[in-house]
Amino acid sequence: MSRVLALDYGEARCGCALSDPTGTLATPIEVIERPSSRRGMQRVVALVRERDVARVVVGLPLSLSGEEGPQALLTREWAGRLAARLGPAVPVELHDERLTTKQAAQTGGSADEDSRAAAHLLEAYLAAGAQA
């Protein structure tokens, strides 16, 4: 398996977490400021290349009932722009991120809360893949 990058997208900040090459561990890494700006998008693309990422997972913010609201639409649009920038060699997937921010707040740690939320997203994604 190759590294997976999880992104907890927000217009102001994007939390990031990276898997180990075996797809077992999820580690929060640096936050990217203003990811929808030209500089922010360039930083995300550079991160994918620098860390030898084979797949990107973007958290899809659904309501507790599973419905998509305005933030989910913005996230889908941004993920589409990222996928176009990365090309077919690095697939971009969306994955349900419900409750990851709450989990990040509860677990604490020294990493930024947005990146801890991305790590919870990545753990859920990796666990789902292991079962499939």
Protein backbone atom coordinates (compact mmCIF):
# COMPACT_ATOMS: atom_id res chain seq x y z
CA MET A 1 0.00 0.00 0.00
CA SER A 2 1.09 3.58 -0.52
CA ARG A 3 0.64 6.72 1.52
CA VAL A 4 -2.79 8.29 1.81
CA LEU A 5 -3.26 11.99 2.57
CA ALA A 6 -6.45 12.99 4.37
CA LEU A 7 -7.68 16.58 4.19
CA ASP A 8 -10.20 18.24 6.50
CA TYR A 9 -11.10 21.08 4.14
CA GLY A 10 -12.26 24.44 5.38
CA GLU A 11 -12.14 27.75 3.56
CA ALA A 12 -9.80 29.27 6.15
CA ARG A 13 -7.71 26.19 6.99
CA CYS A 14 -7.22 22.64 5.82
CA GLY A 15 -6.18 20.03 8.35
CA CYS A 16 -3.86 17.35 6.99
CA ALA A 17 -2.95 13.83 8.06
CA LEU A 18 -0.71 11.28 6.40
CA SER A 19 -0.71 7.49 6.57
CA ASP A 20 2.39 5.39 6.86
CA PRO A 21 3.24 3.33 3.74
CA THR A 22 1.48 0.25 5.15
CA GLY A 23 -1.80 2.11 5.65
CA THR A 24 -1.83 1.35 9.37
CA LEU A 25 -1.04 4.65 11.10
CA ALA A 26 -2.52 8.11 10.62
CA THR A 27 -0.36 11.05 11.69
CA PRO A 28 -1.53 14.67 11.80
CA ILE A 29 0.81 17.01 9.91
CA GLU A 30 0.87 20.75 9.19
CA VAL A 31 -2.25 22.76 8.43
CA ILE A 32 -2.57 24.56 5.10
CA GLU A 33 -3.95 28.09 5.34
CA ARG A 34 -6.57 29.26 2.80
CA PRO A 35 -6.49 26.05 0.73
CA SER A 36 -8.81 27.42 -1.96
CA SER A 37 -6.40 30.26 -2.78
CA ARG A 38 -3.82 29.79 -5.51
CA ARG A 39 -1.02 29.52 -2.93
CA GLY A 40 -3.04 27.12 -0.76
CA MET A 41 -3.83 24.81 -3.66
CA GLN A 42 -0.18 24.87 -4.75
CA ARG A 43 0.82 23.87 -1.20
CA VAL A 44 -1.60 20.91 -1.22
CA VAL A 45 -0.26 19.73 -4.59
CA ALA A 46 3.33 20.15 -3.36
CA LEU A 47 2.52 18.17 -0.21
CA VAL A 48 1.20 15.29 -2.33
CA ARG A 49 4.40 15.24 -4.36
CA GLU A 50 6.81 15.78 -1.42
CA ARG A 51 5.26 12.99 0.67
CA ASP A 52 4.85 10.51 -2.21
CA VAL A 53 1.08 10.33 -1.76
CA ALA A 54 -0.79 7.79 -3.89
CA ARG A 55 -4.35 8.76 -2.88
CA VAL A 56 -6.05 11.79 -1.32
CA VAL A 57 -9.14 11.54 0.87
CA VAL A 58 -11.14 14.71 1.46
CA GLY A 59 -13.59 14.79 4.35
CA LEU A 60 -17.18 15.34 3.21
CA PRO A 61 -19.09 17.30 5.86
CA LEU A 62 -22.49 15.66 6.15
CA SER A 63 -25.19 16.47 8.67
CA LEU A 64 -25.88 13.90 11.38
CA SER A 65 -28.79 12.68 9.23
CA GLY A 66 -26.40 12.17 6.30
CA GLU A 67 -27.57 15.09 4.19
CA GLU A 68 -25.30 17.47 2.32
CA GLY A 69 -25.45 21.18 3.01
CA PRO A 70 -23.67 24.22 1.55
CA GLN A 71 -20.28 23.28 3.06
CA ALA A 72 -20.48 19.84 1.45
CA LEU A 73 -21.05 21.49 -1.94
CA LEU A 74 -18.03 23.78 -1.44
CA THR A 75 -15.95 20.75 -0.41
CA ARG A 76 -17.03 18.76 -3.47
CA GLU A 77 -16.11 21.68 -5.76
CA TRP A 78 -12.71 22.12 -4.11
CA ALA A 79 -11.98 18.37 -4.24
CA GLY A 80 -12.85 18.44 -7.95
CA ARG A 81 -10.37 21.27 -8.55
CA LEU A 82 -7.72 19.35 -6.59
CA ALA A 83 -8.39 16.18 -8.62
CA ALA A 84 -7.98 18.15 -11.86
CA ARG A 85 -4.63 19.53 -10.62
CA LEU A 86 -3.32 16.12 -9.52
CA GLY A 87 -4.51 14.18 -12.57
CA PRO A 88 -5.44 10.50 -12.76
CA ALA A 89 -2.22 9.25 -11.13
CA VAL A 90 -3.41 10.42 -7.68
CA PRO A 91 -7.12 9.72 -7.14
CA VAL A 92 -9.10 12.09 -4.91
CA GLU A 93 -11.96 10.54 -2.95
CA LEU A 94 -14.56 11.96 -0.61
CA HIS A 95 -15.24 10.25 2.73
CA ASP A 96 -17.80 10.99 5.43
CA GLU A 97 -16.19 13.14 8.12
CA ARG A 98 -19.07 13.31 10.59
CA LEU A 99 -17.91 13.77 14.19
CA THR A 100 -14.17 13.96 13.37
CA THR A 101 -13.88 17.51 14.74
CA LYS A 102 -15.61 16.44 17.94
CA GLN A 103 -13.26 13.45 18.23
CA ALA A 104 -10.26 15.72 17.70
CA ALA A 105 -11.44 18.06 20.47
CA GLN A 106 -11.98 15.15 22.85
CA THR A 107 -8.70 13.36 22.23
CA GLY A 108 -6.48 16.43 22.41
CA GLY A 109 -2.81 16.34 21.51
CA SER A 110 -0.10 18.72 20.42
CA ALA A 111 -1.06 18.80 16.73
CA ASP A 112 -3.49 21.40 15.39
CA GLU A 113 -7.13 20.41 15.94
CA ASP A 114 -7.91 20.55 12.20
CA SER A 115 -5.09 18.10 11.48
CA ARG A 116 -6.18 15.84 14.36
CA ALA A 117 -9.65 15.80 12.76
CA ALA A 118 -8.00 14.82 9.46
CA ALA A 119 -6.20 11.99 11.29
CA HIS A 120 -9.55 10.68 12.62
CA LEU A 121 -10.94 10.89 9.08
CA LEU A 122 -7.95 8.96 7.77
CA GLU A 123 -8.27 6.28 10.48
CA ALA A 124 -11.94 5.76 9.54
CA TYR A 125 -11.06 5.61 5.84
CA LEU A 126 -8.25 3.11 6.38
CA ALA A 127 -10.44 0.94 8.63
CA ALA A 128 -13.20 0.92 6.00
CA GLY A 129 -10.71 -0.09 3.31
CA ALA A 130 -9.34 -2.90 5.45
CA GLN A 131 -12.84 -4.36 5.78
CA ALA A 132 -13.69 -4.11 2.08
